[in-house]
């Protein structure tokens, strides 16, 4: 199926922990609909990390997922916080703070851009 005919998934999320599960479920459903598999769960983990960061720093969150071509999947997390993500100084004793490191390690590329109402943090990955 040509990627132009595939569905773009858009999901408004409340900034609550339950949003992470909803986002992962959406990723799984989208990939199944596009006849792709997230063999190692990388895209689900990337999505979880991006949504978790948005929950911590924003009041409104929207997940957007789409295939720009037959090999790539883009995940975007739109939120109302204009401040861009920053790479944390990793404390090996801390329970958190490694999310963006995981996103960088598991995605082909990632970044963020400003919007009129906040920012978009995105990651691009190849999904078979």
Protein backbone atom coordinates (compact mmCIF):
# COMPACT_ATOMS: atom_id res chain seq x y z
CA UNK A 1 0.00 0.00 0.00
CA UNK A 2 1.29 3.42 -0.91
CA UNK A 3 2.22 5.47 2.17
CA UNK A 4 0.05 8.36 0.96
CA UNK A 5 -3.00 6.18 1.59
CA UNK A 6 -2.07 5.21 5.12
CA UNK A 7 -3.81 6.72 8.07
CA UNK A 8 -2.19 9.41 10.15
CA UNK A 9 -2.95 8.73 13.79
CA UNK A 10 -3.64 11.75 15.98
CA UNK A 11 -4.49 11.28 19.65
CA UNK A 12 -5.11 14.02 22.22
CA UNK A 13 -3.78 12.93 25.61
CA UNK A 14 -4.34 14.18 29.12
CA UNK A 15 -1.10 14.88 30.99
CA UNK A 16 -1.53 11.84 33.23
CA UNK A 17 0.41 8.60 33.54
CA UNK A 18 -2.38 6.69 31.73
CA UNK A 19 -1.44 8.66 28.59
CA UNK A 20 1.75 6.62 28.23
CA UNK A 21 -0.17 3.37 27.88
CA UNK A 22 -2.67 4.95 25.47
CA UNK A 23 0.21 6.22 23.33
CA UNK A 24 1.90 2.80 23.26
CA UNK A 25 -1.39 1.12 22.34
CA UNK A 26 -1.86 3.63 19.52
CA UNK A 27 1.63 2.93 18.17
CA UNK A 28 0.98 -0.81 18.24
CA UNK A 29 -2.38 -0.44 16.47
CA UNK A 30 -0.94 1.90 13.83
CA UNK A 31 1.93 -0.43 13.03
CA UNK A 32 -0.45 -3.38 12.75
CA UNK A 33 -2.66 -1.35 10.44
CA UNK A 34 0.34 -0.55 8.26
CA UNK A 35 1.42 -4.21 8.32
CA UNK A 36 4.63 -3.39 10.18
CA UNK A 37 6.04 -4.82 13.36
CA UNK A 38 7.95 -3.15 16.16
CA UNK A 39 10.01 -6.30 16.68
CA UNK A 40 12.02 -5.01 19.63
CA UNK A 41 9.45 -2.52 20.90
CA UNK A 42 11.74 0.40 20.04
CA UNK A 43 9.02 2.68 18.67
CA UNK A 44 6.79 2.00 21.65
CA UNK A 45 9.64 2.86 24.04
CA UNK A 46 10.52 6.01 22.09
CA UNK A 47 6.88 7.08 22.24
CA UNK A 48 6.69 6.32 25.96
CA UNK A 49 9.71 8.49 26.68
CA UNK A 50 8.49 11.42 24.59
CA UNK A 51 5.01 11.30 26.15
CA UNK A 52 6.44 10.93 29.66
CA UNK A 53 8.53 14.08 29.16
CA UNK A 54 5.48 15.97 27.92
CA UNK A 55 3.45 14.83 30.94
CA UNK A 56 6.11 16.24 33.25
CA UNK A 57 6.44 19.60 31.52
CA UNK A 58 3.18 20.45 29.70
CA UNK A 59 -0.57 20.82 30.17
CA UNK A 60 -1.75 19.64 26.74
CA UNK A 61 -0.33 16.79 24.69
CA UNK A 62 -1.09 15.41 21.24
CA UNK A 63 0.49 12.30 19.74
CA UNK A 64 0.87 12.21 15.95
CA UNK A 65 2.10 9.08 14.19
CA UNK A 66 2.56 8.64 10.44
CA UNK A 67 4.67 6.85 7.80
CA UNK A 68 6.43 9.36 5.56
CA UNK A 69 7.52 6.48 3.31
CA UNK A 70 7.39 2.69 3.11
CA UNK A 71 10.25 2.17 5.58
CA UNK A 72 10.03 5.02 8.07
CA UNK A 73 7.68 5.91 10.91
CA UNK A 74 7.51 9.36 12.49
CA UNK A 75 6.24 9.92 16.00
CA UNK A 76 5.57 13.48 17.12
CA UNK A 77 4.50 14.70 20.53
CA UNK A 78 3.00 18.17 20.43
CA UNK A 79 2.68 20.06 23.70
CA UNK A 80 2.01 23.56 25.00
CA UNK A 81 5.40 24.10 26.67
CA UNK A 82 7.60 26.30 24.45
CA UNK A 83 10.81 25.24 26.20
CA UNK A 84 12.75 22.64 24.26
CA UNK A 85 14.03 19.43 25.78
CA UNK A 86 17.55 19.46 27.13
CA UNK A 87 19.93 16.58 27.53
CA UNK A 88 20.17 15.86 31.24
CA UNK A 89 23.33 15.37 33.21
CA UNK A 90 23.05 11.71 34.00
CA UNK A 91 23.19 10.78 37.65
CA UNK A 92 23.90 7.05 37.75
CA UNK A 93 22.10 6.85 41.09
CA UNK A 94 18.93 8.59 39.85
CA UNK A 95 15.82 6.61 38.99
CA UNK A 96 15.07 8.74 35.92
CA UNK A 97 16.62 11.24 33.55
CA UNK A 98 17.68 8.90 30.77
CA UNK A 99 14.66 9.21 28.48
CA UNK A 100 16.23 11.38 25.79
CA UNK A 101 19.33 9.19 25.81
CA UNK A 102 17.08 6.22 25.03
CA UNK A 103 15.26 8.14 22.32
CA UNK A 104 18.59 9.06 20.72
CA UNK A 105 19.89 5.51 20.93
CA UNK A 106 16.76 3.85 19.52
CA UNK A 107 15.73 6.30 16.80
CA UNK A 108 17.37 7.04 13.47
CA UNK A 109 17.02 10.73 14.31
CA UNK A 110 15.12 12.96 16.72
CA UNK A 111 14.71 16.61 17.55
CA UNK A 112 12.24 19.34 18.34
CA UNK A 113 10.84 22.50 16.83
CA UNK A 114 8.88 25.45 18.14
CA UNK A 115 5.23 25.93 17.25
CA UNK A 116 2.86 28.84 17.77
CA UNK A 117 1.41 27.08 20.82
CA UNK A 118 4.48 25.31 22.24
CA UNK A 119 6.71 22.71 20.61
CA UNK A 120 6.87 19.38 18.81
CA UNK A 121 9.35 16.74 19.89
CA UNK A 122 9.78 14.09 17.21
CA UNK A 123 11.62 10.89 16.44
CA UNK A 124 12.04 9.02 13.18
CA UNK A 125 12.76 5.31 12.97
CA UNK A 126 12.74 2.48 10.48
CA UNK A 127 10.08 -0.13 11.17
CA UNK A 128 10.00 -3.33 9.08
